[in-house]
Amino acid sequence: MLTPSPYRVRSPLFPDYTTVRRLLKIWNGEPKENVLCMISQIYNQARTPKGPVDRSKK
């Protein structure tokens, strides 16, 4: 039987500051609508741990 682990794995909900700094340089001059659309598309494909996406299908 498995024993419970005293450790928890936490996935951050937000990127760290280093990642945000890099993205802001890349997105510099890009229209806000384009960036928000991209974020929305990524979110729609990522899902949550309760409803994961099976990417093994071809």
N, C-alpha and C. Protein backbone atom coordinates (compact mmCIF):
# COMPACT_ATOMS: atom_id res chain seq x y z
N MET A 1 0.84 -1.18 0.00
CA MET A 1 0.00 0.00 0.00
C MET A 1 0.89 1.25 0.00
N LEU A 2 0.47 2.25 -0.73
CA LEU A 2 1.23 3.49 -0.80
C LEU A 2 1.03 4.33 0.46
N THR A 3 2.12 4.91 0.90
CA THR A 3 2.00 5.81 2.05
C THR A 3 1.91 7.25 1.54
N PRO A 4 1.13 8.08 2.20
CA PRO A 4 1.00 9.47 1.73
C PRO A 4 2.33 10.21 1.84
N SER A 5 2.60 11.02 0.87
CA SER A 5 3.83 11.81 0.85
C SER A 5 3.64 13.09 1.65
N PRO A 6 4.65 13.50 2.40
CA PRO A 6 4.53 14.77 3.14
C PRO A 6 4.72 15.98 2.24
N TYR A 7 5.09 15.76 0.99
CA TYR A 7 5.36 16.86 0.07
C TYR A 7 4.19 17.10 -0.85
N ARG A 8 4.03 18.34 -1.26
CA ARG A 8 3.00 18.69 -2.23
C ARG A 8 3.66 19.31 -3.44
N VAL A 9 3.17 18.97 -4.60
CA VAL A 9 3.65 19.58 -5.83
C VAL A 9 2.66 20.66 -6.20
N ARG A 10 3.17 21.86 -6.38
CA ARG A 10 2.29 22.98 -6.71
C ARG A 10 2.67 23.52 -8.09
N SER A 11 1.67 23.68 -8.91
CA SER A 11 1.88 24.29 -10.22
C SER A 11 1.49 25.76 -10.12
N PRO A 12 2.38 26.64 -10.52
CA PRO A 12 2.05 28.07 -10.41
C PRO A 12 0.93 28.45 -11.37
N LEU A 13 0.06 29.34 -10.91
CA LEU A 13 -1.02 29.83 -11.77
C LEU A 13 -0.53 30.94 -12.69
N PHE A 14 0.54 31.61 -12.30
CA PHE A 14 1.06 32.74 -13.05
C PHE A 14 2.54 32.54 -13.32
N PRO A 15 3.04 33.08 -14.43
CA PRO A 15 4.48 32.96 -14.72
C PRO A 15 5.31 33.81 -13.77
N ASP A 16 6.59 33.46 -13.63
CA ASP A 16 7.46 34.26 -12.77
C ASP A 16 7.87 35.54 -13.50
N TYR A 17 8.48 36.45 -12.77
CA TYR A 17 8.81 37.76 -13.33
C TYR A 17 9.81 37.68 -14.49
N THR A 18 10.73 36.75 -14.43
CA THR A 18 11.70 36.60 -15.51
C THR A 18 11.01 36.25 -16.82
N THR A 19 10.04 35.35 -16.76
CA THR A 19 9.30 34.95 -17.95
C THR A 19 8.47 36.12 -18.48
N VAL A 20 7.82 36.83 -17.59
CA VAL A 20 7.01 37.98 -18.00
C VAL A 20 7.88 39.04 -18.66
N ARG A 21 9.05 39.30 -18.10
CA ARG A 21 9.97 40.29 -18.67
C ARG A 21 10.35 39.91 -20.10
N ARG A 22 10.63 38.63 -20.33
CA ARG A 22 11.00 38.17 -21.68
C ARG A 22 9.82 38.29 -22.64
N LEU A 23 8.63 37.92 -22.17
CA LEU A 23 7.45 38.00 -23.03
C LEU A 23 7.11 39.44 -23.40
N LEU A 24 7.28 40.36 -22.46
CA LEU A 24 7.00 41.76 -22.76
C LEU A 24 7.92 42.29 -23.86
N LYS A 25 9.16 41.84 -23.88
CA LYS A 25 10.08 42.25 -24.95
C LYS A 25 9.63 41.69 -26.30
N ILE A 26 9.16 40.44 -26.28
CA ILE A 26 8.70 39.80 -27.52
C ILE A 26 7.42 40.46 -28.03
N TRP A 27 6.50 40.78 -27.11
CA TRP A 27 5.20 41.33 -27.48
C TRP A 27 5.22 42.83 -27.69
N ASN A 28 6.35 43.46 -27.53
CA ASN A 28 6.44 44.92 -27.67
C ASN A 28 5.93 45.35 -29.04
N GLY A 29 4.92 46.21 -29.06
CA GLY A 29 4.36 46.72 -30.30
C GLY A 29 3.22 45.87 -30.87
N GLU A 30 2.99 44.70 -30.29
CA GLU A 30 1.92 43.83 -30.76
C GLU A 30 0.58 44.36 -30.22
N PRO A 31 -0.46 44.40 -31.05
CA PRO A 31 -1.76 44.88 -30.57
C PRO A 31 -2.28 44.02 -29.41
N LYS A 32 -2.90 44.68 -28.46
CA LYS A 32 -3.42 44.01 -27.27
C LYS A 32 -4.38 42.88 -27.63
N GLU A 33 -5.20 43.09 -28.64
CA GLU A 33 -6.18 42.08 -29.05
C GLU A 33 -5.49 40.79 -29.48
N ASN A 34 -4.36 40.91 -30.19
CA ASN A 34 -3.64 39.72 -30.64
C ASN A 34 -3.07 38.93 -29.46
N VAL A 35 -2.51 39.64 -28.49
CA VAL A 35 -1.94 38.97 -27.32
C VAL A 35 -3.04 38.28 -26.52
N LEU A 36 -4.15 38.96 -26.29
CA LEU A 36 -5.25 38.37 -25.53
C LEU A 36 -5.85 37.16 -26.26
N CYS A 37 -5.92 37.23 -27.57
CA CYS A 37 -6.42 36.10 -28.36
C CYS A 37 -5.49 34.90 -28.22
N MET A 38 -4.17 35.14 -28.27
CA MET A 38 -3.20 34.06 -28.12
C MET A 38 -3.31 33.42 -26.74
N ILE A 39 -3.41 34.25 -25.70
CA ILE A 39 -3.53 33.74 -24.33
C ILE A 39 -4.80 32.90 -24.20
N SER A 40 -5.88 33.36 -24.79
CA SER A 40 -7.15 32.64 -24.74
C SER A 40 -7.03 31.28 -25.44
N GLN A 41 -6.38 31.24 -26.59
CA GLN A 41 -6.22 29.99 -27.32
C GLN A 41 -5.36 28.99 -26.54
N ILE A 42 -4.29 29.48 -25.90
CA ILE A 42 -3.45 28.60 -25.09
C ILE A 42 -4.25 28.05 -23.92
N TYR A 43 -5.01 28.91 -23.26
CA TYR A 43 -5.82 28.48 -22.11
C TYR A 43 -6.84 27.43 -22.54
N ASN A 44 -7.47 27.62 -23.68
CA ASN A 44 -8.47 26.66 -24.16
C ASN A 44 -7.87 25.29 -24.45
N GLN A 45 -6.61 25.26 -24.86
CA GLN A 45 -5.96 23.99 -25.17
C GLN A 45 -5.33 23.33 -23.95
N ALA A 46 -5.00 24.12 -22.93
CA ALA A 46 -4.29 23.58 -21.78
C ALA A 46 -5.21 22.82 -20.83
N ARG A 47 -6.40 23.33 -20.61
CA ARG A 47 -7.37 22.75 -19.69
C ARG A 47 -6.84 22.75 -18.25
N THR A 48 -7.41 21.89 -17.43
CA THR A 48 -7.04 21.80 -16.02
C THR A 48 -6.70 20.36 -15.68
N PRO A 49 -6.11 20.11 -14.51
CA PRO A 49 -5.84 18.72 -14.12
C PRO A 49 -7.11 17.88 -14.03
N LYS A 50 -8.24 18.50 -13.74
CA LYS A 50 -9.49 17.75 -13.65
C LYS A 50 -10.04 17.39 -15.02
N GLY A 51 -9.67 18.15 -16.04
CA GLY A 51 -10.13 17.89 -17.40
C GLY A 51 -8.97 17.97 -18.37
N PRO A 52 -7.98 17.07 -18.26
CA PRO A 52 -6.79 17.14 -19.11
C PRO A 52 -7.10 16.87 -20.57
N VAL A 53 -6.24 17.33 -21.43
CA VAL A 53 -6.37 17.11 -22.86
C VAL A 53 -5.44 15.98 -23.28
N ASP A 54 -5.96 15.01 -24.04
CA ASP A 54 -5.14 13.92 -24.54
C ASP A 54 -4.53 14.34 -25.86
N ARG A 55 -3.23 14.60 -25.86
CA ARG A 55 -2.55 15.07 -27.07
C ARG A 55 -1.91 13.92 -27.83
N SER A 56 -2.16 12.69 -27.41
CA SER A 56 -1.56 11.55 -28.09
C SER A 56 -2.31 11.16 -29.36
N LYS A 57 -3.52 11.65 -29.51
CA LYS A 57 -4.30 11.34 -30.72
C LYS A 57 -3.71 12.08 -31.91
N LYS A 58 -3.62 11.36 -33.03
CA LYS A 58 -3.05 11.99 -34.23
C LYS A 58 -4.09 12.09 -35.30
